[in-house]
Structures are given as structure tokens and as C-alpha cells.
Amino acid sequence: MPTEPGPTAQVDVLLGARPRSRLRRWVSAILLVLVLAAAATLLLRFVEGNDTPYYMAPITRADLRPQLRLRGTFYPAGEVSVRAPHDALLTALPEAIGARVLRGQALAVIDTTTYARAIAADRSELAAAQDQARREAVASRAAAARLARFEKVWRASGQRVPSLDELESARLQAARAALAARRARTLADAAAQRLRADTRDLQAALPRAPIDGVVSARLVPAGSRVRAGEPLLQLAPLGAAARVAVSLGASDGPLSPGLKAEVLINGRPPREARLLRVRGGADGRQQAVFGLAPDPGLPPRGVATVLLSLPTRHHVLLVPDAALAFAPHCSAQRSGHNLCLLARDGTARSVPVVLGPGDGRHTQILAGNVRPGQLAIIGWREAPVASAPARTRPGP
């Protein structure tokens, strides 16, 4: 006699389902065990970390506001060069940079041996010429007096005494004496002019300050033989403002005049500065020139550091600065920049890159065989043995 189906069987019939077979139950149990094992493995790896000897950080895309820290030099604005007026041997120059000088003041001592000899010779010639001029003047006056007596007697005697020949001879002697006296005076004047000219040359041979100012640089050492027109010193006007010049890299981007910056000089508090212009430097690189307010406490020249914030760059490729610091550990290259990326086989792969500016924590990657999401090595998890090099392989 058939048995009545139970309540459970009636529900299975109503839903069109069949009781689960024993095989399906075993398969489900095995899959569950595998899932639990995988989860446990992942959890253990998360707790204990990976099995590589490195710490890593991903390469990402994000916005960056670059912060530049540029080394440069500062100097006073409006400097003028003091040049050698003639070929000369410098025997002394101002000792102290920052010494104040007045317009027209002699700024160097030169070897005046040649000038001294010429002046001494001029003085001797002038003395001789003046003495000769005095003698000729006496002779001229004597000849003129003799002629005057002859003419007086000749008129008083009714032109009978002295004879006409004697009178003409006296007239000729007086004329010759007058010419000799005039020539002697001319030679004395020429000797005096030579003396004045050599004295002026001596004064002109001394480099003199063209302005009231401060010695800001010495361009040649004492004891040097210089040519006419060669720069000797730099002078800065009194109360001159300071300028700071820094070299820019190709990745620093265009800078607009008026951009604000901070300048550090000799450990002093930061000073506000503004970008005046960008010019070409002697080394072919661009130079940015910043202006500072006048400060009498600053030395004329020195080294400065410019802190500059560039406009934000959007959606750029970034790498942590720690990865750049670690890069030398796995790269044998001595030039350019490299990154150490973790390869799929767990080894470090050195990849050359072109870097841009950074913000102190991340640096922009301008070019290189890298992409977002790759892991850059930033440090050792397990320090290697000192004698064993890091496991690296070159990038493609």
C-alpha cells in the first residue's frame, strides 16, 4: 500500500525541486573549504606582509603644486665696473668688501716708476728752460738798453754819432736777443706743459670711483698687471636693492614676472621677493632674477636659497620621494634618474625616468616606462647582507 508523501516532499513537488544528491553536497563542502583556505592565506599575508625584502608604494596620478628650492647668488642692483684707465701694475687694492668710497676717490695704488721718471725729467727740463729764459731775458734787456743809448746819441748828434753801421749792428743785436728770449720762454712753456701732462697722466692712471658707493667685488688680485679697460672692481650705489639670480631647469616651466617667492640668506629669516625677469645665463640655462628690498645689513654678495611655489599641475604622474632616495641601491647608472620597481617575479627592476618638480613628498615623472599602479620600492623590509648586492635586473 503506497505511503502518503510527507509535508517536505509535497513542498518539493510544489516548487519543482528535488532533494540534493550526496555528490553535490560533497562538492559544495570542498568549495567552501577552498574559499576558507584562500581567505585565511590572504589574511595571513595581510598580517605578516609580503615575502619580498622591500617596502613599496604605488605610482599614482594626482594634482601637484610644485615647491622649488633653488640655490643662487645675490648681488646689489645697479653695479658699475671700475676699469683700468691705462696699462699698469697694481700694487694695492681696497682690502675690505663693503668698504664705502666717494666719487673721485682713488681705488688702487699702481706702480708709478715710469711716471715718476718722466715727471722728474720734465721738472729738470723745465728748470733748465726757465734758467735759459731768464738769461736770454737779461741779454735781451741789455741789448735793448744799448740800442736805446745809441739812438739817443744819434739823434742828439744830428745823426753823426754813432755811425750808421754801429747803429744798425746794435739794432740787429737787440732783435736777435729779443728772438732768443722769446724762444727761451716758448721752450720753458713747453717744458711746463709736459710736466702738467705727465702729472695728469699719473692722476688719470689711478682707478677712481665714478660714484659714491660700496665695494661689492674685487675682480683682480693685488700685484696683477692689467690692461687698459680691464675691470678691477665692482661698485654698488649706496642703498641699492638686492637681486637674486637662480638657474632654472627645463621642467620648471615658464614663470611670470611678479611671482612671489621667499629668499633665505645666511640663515636669516625668510625675505619676500618678486620675480623681475627671466634671462639667458652664461651656461645656456634660463636664469630667474628676483628683487629684494634694500637692506643695509646684507653683505654685497653671497649665496641665497629661493623657495618658490609653482602653479598647480593637474593629473600628473607622481612617485614618492622615498623611492627616489632608494633608487641608487638597485641601479649601477651614475647619470640620470632611475626608479626601482617591483617586477612580477619579486625582483627589483631599475627603470630610467625623467623627473620634474616636486612638493617635498612626491615628484612628477615627465617621461619613462612607468604607469599608475606600479609599485615603487621605497626601502628595505629585510636589510641585505653587506657583501650581497640587491637583486636587480635592467628595465626594458
Protein backbone atom coordinates (compact mmCIF):
# COMPACT_ATOMS: atom_id res chain seq x y z
CA MET A 1 0.00 0.00 0.00
CA PRO A 2 1.62 3.32 -1.14
CA THR A 3 2.57 5.67 1.55
CA GLU A 4 1.40 9.26 1.67
CA PRO A 5 4.05 11.85 0.77
CA GLY A 6 5.30 13.81 3.73
CA PRO A 7 4.92 17.54 4.11
CA THR A 8 8.54 18.14 2.89
CA ALA A 9 8.05 16.04 -0.23
CA GLN A 10 4.81 17.93 -1.00
CA VAL A 11 6.69 21.27 -0.82
CA ASP A 12 9.46 19.94 -3.13
CA VAL A 13 6.87 18.82 -5.64
CA LEU A 14 5.08 22.16 -5.44
CA LEU A 15 8.38 24.13 -6.02
CA GLY A 16 9.62 21.73 -8.72
CA ALA A 17 12.78 20.95 -6.69
CA ARG A 18 14.47 17.70 -5.98
CA PRO A 19 16.33 16.61 -2.88
CA ARG A 20 20.06 17.42 -3.13
CA SER A 21 22.20 14.45 -4.00
CA ARG A 22 25.15 13.33 -1.87
CA LEU A 23 27.70 14.29 -4.61
CA ARG A 24 26.50 17.86 -4.79
CA ARG A 25 26.79 18.13 -1.02
CA TRP A 26 30.44 16.98 -1.16
CA VAL A 27 31.30 19.42 -3.97
CA SER A 28 29.79 22.30 -2.03
CA ALA A 29 31.72 21.34 1.07
CA ILE A 30 35.04 21.18 -0.83
CA LEU A 31 34.46 24.61 -2.46
CA LEU A 32 33.68 26.08 0.93
CA VAL A 33 36.90 24.65 2.37
CA LEU A 34 38.93 26.12 -0.54
CA VAL A 35 37.36 29.54 -0.11
CA LEU A 36 38.10 29.49 3.61
CA ALA A 37 41.70 28.43 2.94
CA ALA A 38 42.20 31.25 0.42
CA ALA A 39 40.72 33.77 2.83
CA ALA A 40 42.99 32.53 5.61
CA THR A 41 46.02 32.79 3.29
CA LEU A 42 45.14 36.34 2.31
CA LEU A 43 44.53 37.29 5.92
CA LEU A 44 47.85 35.80 6.97
CA ARG A 45 49.66 37.62 4.16
CA PHE A 46 47.96 40.85 5.15
CA VAL A 47 49.04 40.44 8.76
CA GLU A 48 52.57 39.21 8.05
CA GLY A 49 53.17 41.22 4.86
CA ASN A 50 54.56 40.05 1.51
CA ASP A 51 57.57 37.81 1.12
CA THR A 52 59.76 40.41 -0.67
CA PRO A 53 62.56 42.20 1.22
CA TYR A 54 61.20 45.62 0.24
CA TYR A 55 58.70 48.21 1.32
CA MET A 56 56.73 49.62 -1.61
CA ALA A 57 54.44 52.48 -2.53
CA PRO A 58 52.33 52.83 -5.68
CA ILE A 59 52.90 55.27 -8.51
CA THR A 60 49.78 57.43 -8.82
CA ARG A 61 48.18 60.20 -10.82
CA ALA A 62 47.12 63.25 -8.85
CA ASP A 63 47.37 67.04 -8.66
CA LEU A 64 50.70 68.57 -7.67
CA ARG A 65 51.66 72.05 -6.52
CA PRO A 66 55.42 72.06 -7.07
CA GLN A 67 57.63 73.61 -4.42
CA LEU A 68 61.06 74.61 -5.74
CA ARG A 69 64.12 75.14 -3.60
CA LEU A 70 66.74 76.77 -5.80
CA ARG A 71 70.29 77.76 -4.93
CA GLY A 72 71.57 81.02 -6.34
CA THR A 73 73.59 84.14 -5.67
CA PHE A 74 72.58 87.61 -4.60
CA TYR A 75 74.21 90.85 -5.64
CA PRO A 76 73.38 94.58 -5.47
CA ALA A 77 71.37 96.24 -8.21
CA GLY A 78 72.93 98.95 -10.35
CA GLU A 79 76.52 97.78 -10.01
CA VAL A 80 79.17 99.60 -12.03
CA SER A 81 82.60 98.35 -13.03
CA VAL A 82 85.78 100.27 -12.27
CA ARG A 83 88.22 99.66 -15.14
CA ALA A 84 91.92 100.25 -15.53
CA PRO A 85 92.40 103.53 -17.42
CA HIS A 86 95.89 102.51 -18.64
CA ASP A 87 98.18 99.53 -18.64
CA ALA A 88 99.57 99.32 -15.15
CA LEU A 89 100.89 97.12 -12.36
CA LEU A 90 98.53 97.13 -9.37
CA THR A 91 100.35 97.21 -6.05
CA ALA A 92 97.32 97.56 -3.74
CA LEU A 93 93.51 97.44 -3.82
CA PRO A 94 90.83 98.08 -1.17
CA GLU A 95 91.12 95.35 1.44
CA ALA A 96 87.51 95.04 2.60
CA ILE A 97 84.49 94.15 0.53
CA GLY A 98 81.77 96.53 1.64
CA ALA A 99 84.14 99.49 2.11
CA ARG A 100 82.45 102.81 1.36
CA VAL A 101 84.09 105.08 -1.22
CA LEU A 102 83.44 108.60 -2.50
CA ARG A 103 83.14 109.81 -6.06
CA GLY A 104 86.60 110.56 -7.49
CA GLN A 105 88.44 108.63 -4.78
CA ALA A 106 91.45 106.60 -5.95
CA LEU A 107 90.66 102.91 -5.57
CA ALA A 108 94.05 101.37 -6.25
CA VAL A 109 97.75 102.01 -5.89
CA ILE A 110 99.80 101.39 -9.02
CA ASP A 111 103.49 101.17 -9.81
CA THR A 112 104.38 104.79 -10.70
CA THR A 113 108.05 104.24 -11.53
CA THR A 114 107.64 105.16 -15.18
CA TYR A 115 105.50 108.19 -14.38
CA ALA A 116 107.92 109.31 -11.66
CA ARG A 117 110.86 109.15 -14.06
CA ALA A 118 109.00 111.14 -16.70
CA ILE A 119 107.93 113.77 -14.17
CA ALA A 120 111.45 114.07 -12.79
CA ALA A 121 112.81 114.53 -16.30
CA ASP A 122 110.11 117.12 -17.04
CA ARG A 123 110.99 119.05 -13.92
CA SER A 124 114.68 119.06 -14.80
CA GLU A 125 113.95 120.24 -18.34
CA LEU A 126 111.59 122.89 -17.02
CA ALA A 127 114.21 124.21 -14.58
CA ALA A 128 116.84 124.36 -17.31
CA ALA A 129 114.43 126.02 -19.74
CA GLN A 130 113.37 128.61 -17.16
CA ASP A 131 117.01 129.37 -16.33
CA GLN A 132 117.83 129.81 -20.01
CA ALA A 133 114.77 132.01 -20.44
CA ARG A 134 115.94 134.23 -17.60
CA ARG A 135 119.42 134.56 -19.12
CA GLU A 136 118.02 135.35 -22.52
CA ALA A 137 115.67 137.88 -20.99
CA VAL A 138 118.61 139.65 -19.31
CA ALA A 139 120.57 139.63 -22.58
CA SER A 140 117.56 140.97 -24.46
CA ARG A 141 117.08 143.80 -21.99
CA ALA A 142 120.81 144.67 -22.18
CA ALA A 143 120.73 144.71 -25.99
CA ALA A 144 117.60 146.85 -25.96
CA ALA A 145 119.19 149.32 -23.50
CA ARG A 146 122.36 149.59 -25.63
CA LEU A 147 120.23 150.24 -28.71
CA ALA A 148 118.28 152.92 -26.86
CA ARG A 149 121.52 154.71 -25.91
CA PHE A 150 122.83 154.59 -29.47
CA GLU A 151 119.64 156.01 -30.87
CA LYS A 152 119.57 158.79 -28.24
CA VAL A 153 123.14 159.84 -29.04
CA TRP A 154 122.48 159.52 -32.76
CA ARG A 155 119.53 161.89 -32.52
CA ALA A 156 121.38 164.33 -30.22
CA SER A 157 124.38 164.49 -32.57
CA GLY A 158 122.30 165.22 -35.59
CA GLN A 159 122.75 161.70 -36.91
CA ARG A 160 126.56 161.96 -36.90
CA VAL A 161 127.44 159.72 -33.88
CA PRO A 162 127.46 156.79 -33.75
CA SER A 163 127.94 155.74 -37.29
CA LEU A 164 125.10 154.22 -39.22
CA ASP A 165 126.87 150.85 -39.27
CA GLU A 166 127.19 150.82 -35.48
CA LEU A 167 123.56 151.78 -35.10
CA GLU A 168 122.41 149.03 -37.45
CA SER A 169 124.59 146.50 -35.63
CA ALA A 170 123.04 147.49 -32.28
CA ARG A 171 119.58 147.18 -33.76
CA LEU A 172 120.39 143.70 -35.12
CA GLN A 173 121.81 142.54 -31.76
CA ALA A 174 118.70 143.78 -29.92
CA ALA A 175 116.42 141.94 -32.36
CA ARG A 176 118.43 138.73 -32.03
CA ALA A 177 118.35 138.99 -28.23
CA ALA A 178 114.59 139.51 -28.26
CA LEU A 179 114.10 136.46 -30.50
CA ALA A 180 116.33 134.34 -28.24
CA ALA A 181 114.39 135.46 -25.17
CA ARG A 182 111.08 134.65 -26.88
CA ARG A 183 112.37 131.21 -27.91
CA ALA A 184 113.59 130.53 -24.38
CA ARG A 185 110.18 131.47 -22.97
CA THR A 186 108.49 129.15 -25.50
CA LEU A 187 110.75 126.24 -24.54
CA ALA A 188 110.06 126.89 -20.85
CA ASP A 189 106.32 126.93 -21.52
CA ALA A 190 106.60 123.62 -23.45
CA ALA A 191 108.52 122.03 -20.57
CA ALA A 192 105.86 123.23 -18.12
CA GLN A 193 103.13 121.77 -20.33
CA ARG A 194 104.92 118.40 -20.47
CA LEU A 195 105.20 118.40 -16.70
CA ARG A 196 101.48 119.17 -16.33
CA ALA A 197 100.58 116.50 -18.90
CA ASP A 198 102.67 113.80 -17.19
CA THR A 199 101.21 114.80 -13.83
CA ARG A 200 97.69 114.49 -15.29
CA ASP A 201 98.61 111.10 -16.75
CA LEU A 202 99.74 109.97 -13.32
CA GLN A 203 96.45 111.09 -11.79
CA ALA A 204 94.48 109.54 -14.65
CA ALA A 205 96.33 106.23 -14.28
CA LEU A 206 94.79 105.75 -10.84
CA PRO A 207 91.40 103.96 -10.98
CA ARG A 208 88.86 106.25 -9.34
CA ALA A 209 85.31 105.76 -8.11
CA PRO A 210 82.74 107.04 -10.63
CA ILE A 211 80.02 107.20 -7.96
CA ASP A 212 79.54 107.28 -4.21
CA GLY A 213 79.12 103.63 -3.34
CA VAL A 214 80.31 100.43 -1.72
CA VAL A 215 82.94 98.00 -2.97
CA SER A 216 80.95 94.88 -3.85
CA ALA A 217 83.59 92.72 -5.56
CA ARG A 218 87.30 92.61 -6.35
CA LEU A 219 87.93 91.16 -9.79
CA VAL A 220 91.75 91.05 -9.82
CA PRO A 221 94.26 90.49 -7.01
CA ALA A 222 96.90 92.97 -5.95
CA GLY A 223 100.17 92.51 -7.81
CA SER A 224 98.44 91.91 -11.15
CA ARG A 225 99.48 93.62 -14.36
CA VAL A 226 96.32 94.87 -16.04
CA ARG A 227 95.48 96.21 -19.47
CA ALA A 228 93.64 99.41 -20.23
CA GLY A 229 89.90 98.82 -19.91
CA GLU A 230 90.19 95.66 -17.79
CA PRO A 231 87.61 95.50 -14.93
CA LEU A 232 89.19 95.82 -11.50
CA LEU A 233 86.34 96.34 -9.01
CA GLN A 234 82.57 96.34 -8.78
CA LEU A 235 80.85 99.24 -7.01
CA ALA A 236 77.27 99.25 -5.78
CA PRO A 237 75.34 102.50 -5.29
CA LEU A 238 74.58 103.45 -1.71
CA GLY A 239 71.24 101.96 -0.58
CA ALA A 240 70.98 99.68 -3.61
CA ALA A 241 68.34 96.95 -3.62
CA ALA A 242 69.46 93.31 -3.82
CA ARG A 243 68.97 90.93 -6.71
CA VAL A 244 68.95 87.12 -6.54
CA ALA A 245 69.74 85.05 -9.63
CA VAL A 246 68.95 81.31 -9.79
CA SER A 247 69.24 78.80 -12.62
CA LEU A 248 66.06 77.10 -13.80
CA GLY A 249 65.68 73.55 -15.04
CA ALA A 250 63.89 72.66 -18.25
CA SER A 251 60.99 71.18 -16.24
CA ASP A 252 60.43 74.20 -14.02
CA GLY A 253 58.08 75.67 -16.57
CA PRO A 254 57.53 79.28 -17.61
CA LEU A 255 57.48 81.82 -14.79
CA SER A 256 55.58 85.08 -14.93
CA PRO A 257 57.10 88.36 -13.70
CA GLY A 258 55.71 89.39 -10.35
CA LEU A 259 55.64 85.84 -8.96
CA LYS A 260 56.22 85.89 -5.20
CA ALA A 261 58.97 83.89 -3.53
CA GLU A 262 60.85 83.64 -0.26
CA VAL A 263 64.61 84.05 -0.03
CA LEU A 264 66.88 82.63 2.68
CA ILE A 265 70.24 84.38 3.15
CA ASN A 266 72.88 83.32 5.67
CA GLY A 267 70.37 81.65 7.98
CA ARG A 268 68.33 84.84 8.38
CA PRO A 269 64.51 84.82 8.46
CA PRO A 270 62.87 84.44 5.03
CA ARG A 271 62.55 87.61 2.97
CA GLU A 272 59.83 88.25 0.45
CA ALA A 273 60.96 88.68 -3.13
CA ARG A 274 59.33 89.08 -6.54
CA LEU A 275 60.35 87.73 -9.90
CA LEU A 276 61.65 90.57 -12.07
CA ARG A 277 62.60 88.76 -15.27
CA VAL A 278 63.86 85.51 -16.79
CA ARG A 279 67.03 85.79 -18.84
CA GLY A 280 69.55 83.55 -20.52
CA GLY A 281 72.52 82.55 -18.37
CA ALA A 282 76.16 82.16 -19.33
CA ASP A 283 75.80 78.35 -19.16
CA GLY A 284 72.93 78.33 -21.64
CA ARG A 285 70.26 77.71 -18.97
CA GLN A 286 67.49 80.12 -18.09
CA GLN A 287 68.05 82.36 -15.08
CA ALA A 288 65.32 83.85 -12.91
CA VAL A 289 66.14 87.20 -11.30
CA PHE A 290 64.27 88.14 -8.12
CA GLY A 291 64.20 91.55 -6.46
CA LEU A 292 64.65 92.19 -2.73
CA ALA A 293 64.08 95.37 -0.77
CA PRO A 294 67.21 97.34 0.24
CA ASP A 295 68.79 96.16 3.48
CA PRO A 296 72.00 97.76 4.82
CA GLY A 297 72.60 94.69 6.97
CA LEU A 298 73.19 92.42 3.98
CA PRO A 299 76.69 91.86 2.61
CA PRO A 300 77.22 92.97 -1.00
CA ARG A 301 77.30 89.40 -2.32
CA GLY A 302 76.63 85.88 -1.12
CA VAL A 303 74.70 82.64 -1.55
CA ALA A 304 70.91 82.55 -1.30
CA THR A 305 68.15 79.93 -1.41
CA VAL A 306 64.87 80.75 -3.16
CA LEU A 307 61.66 78.99 -2.06
CA LEU A 308 59.13 79.13 -4.89
CA SER A 309 55.61 77.71 -5.34
CA LEU A 310 54.60 76.98 -8.93
CA PRO A 311 51.01 76.80 -10.22
CA THR A 312 49.17 73.53 -9.59
CA ARG A 313 49.68 70.79 -12.17
CA HIS A 314 46.65 68.56 -12.62
CA HIS A 315 46.51 64.78 -13.09
CA VAL A 316 50.25 64.21 -13.35
CA LEU A 317 52.21 61.03 -12.71
CA LEU A 318 53.76 61.09 -9.23
CA VAL A 319 56.32 58.97 -7.41
CA PRO A 320 57.12 59.20 -3.66
CA ASP A 321 60.41 60.90 -2.91
CA ALA A 322 61.35 57.89 -0.79
CA ALA A 323 61.52 55.84 -3.99
CA LEU A 324 64.00 58.30 -5.47
CA ALA A 325 66.12 58.04 -2.34
CA PHE A 326 66.14 54.23 -2.60
CA ALA A 327 66.86 54.13 -6.36
CA PRO A 328 70.69 54.19 -6.06
CA HIS A 329 70.56 50.87 -4.17
CA CYS A 330 69.45 48.97 -7.25
CA SER A 331 70.93 50.95 -10.13
CA ALA A 332 74.52 50.94 -11.34
CA GLN A 333 73.98 54.01 -13.55
CA ARG A 334 75.82 57.15 -12.47
CA SER A 335 73.91 59.64 -14.61
CA GLY A 336 70.24 60.48 -14.91
CA HIS A 337 67.43 59.32 -12.62
CA ASN A 338 66.08 55.81 -12.04
CA LEU A 339 63.28 54.12 -10.16
CA CYS A 340 63.25 50.67 -8.61
CA LEU A 341 60.00 48.93 -9.49
CA LEU A 342 58.90 45.54 -8.18
CA ALA A 343 58.69 43.03 -11.03
CA ARG A 344 56.19 40.17 -11.12
CA ASP A 345 58.86 37.69 -10.10
CA GLY A 346 59.58 39.68 -6.92
CA THR A 347 62.86 41.22 -8.08
CA ALA A 348 63.72 44.90 -8.32
CA ARG A 349 63.71 46.37 -11.81
CA SER A 350 65.62 49.61 -12.48
CA VAL A 351 63.76 51.93 -14.87
CA PRO A 352 65.20 55.25 -16.15
CA VAL A 353 62.85 58.22 -15.83
CA VAL A 354 62.82 61.94 -16.45
CA LEU A 355 61.80 63.84 -13.33
CA GLY A 356 60.08 67.16 -12.93
CA PRO A 357 59.47 69.30 -9.85
CA GLY A 358 58.01 68.08 -6.58
CA ASP A 359 56.34 69.29 -3.41
CA GLY A 360 58.71 67.75 -0.87
CA ARG A 361 56.81 64.45 -0.68
CA HIS A 362 56.15 63.49 -4.30
CA THR A 363 57.94 64.23 -7.55
CA GLN A 364 56.46 64.44 -11.02
CA ILE A 365 57.53 61.89 -13.63
CA LEU A 366 57.77 63.57 -17.03
CA ALA A 367 58.83 60.53 -19.05
CA GLY A 368 59.71 56.89 -18.50
CA ASN A 369 58.39 53.36 -18.90
CA VAL A 370 56.13 53.54 -15.84
CA ARG A 371 52.39 53.63 -15.33
CA PRO A 372 49.99 54.29 -12.47
CA GLY A 373 49.56 51.41 -10.04
CA GLN A 374 53.08 50.05 -10.36
CA LEU A 375 54.87 49.52 -7.07
CA ALA A 376 58.00 51.57 -6.48
CA ILE A 377 60.43 50.32 -3.85
CA ILE A 378 60.92 52.83 -1.04
CA GLY A 379 63.02 50.87 1.46
CA TRP A 380 64.24 47.58 2.84
CA ARG A 381 61.94 45.29 4.76
CA GLU A 382 64.85 42.96 5.37
CA ALA A 383 68.27 44.58 5.04
CA PRO A 384 70.53 42.52 2.73
CA VAL A 385 73.94 41.21 3.68
CA ALA A 386 76.54 43.94 3.17
CA SER A 387 78.53 41.89 0.66
CA ALA A 388 75.48 40.78 -1.36
CA PRO A 389 74.13 43.21 -3.96
CA ALA A 390 70.42 43.78 -4.34
CA ARG A 391 68.58 41.53 -6.75
CA THR A 392 68.04 43.77 -9.75
CA ARG A 393 67.56 43.48 -13.42
CA PRO A 394 67.62 46.25 -16.02
CA GLY A 395 64.42 47.66 -17.33
CA PRO A 396 63.27 47.01 -20.88
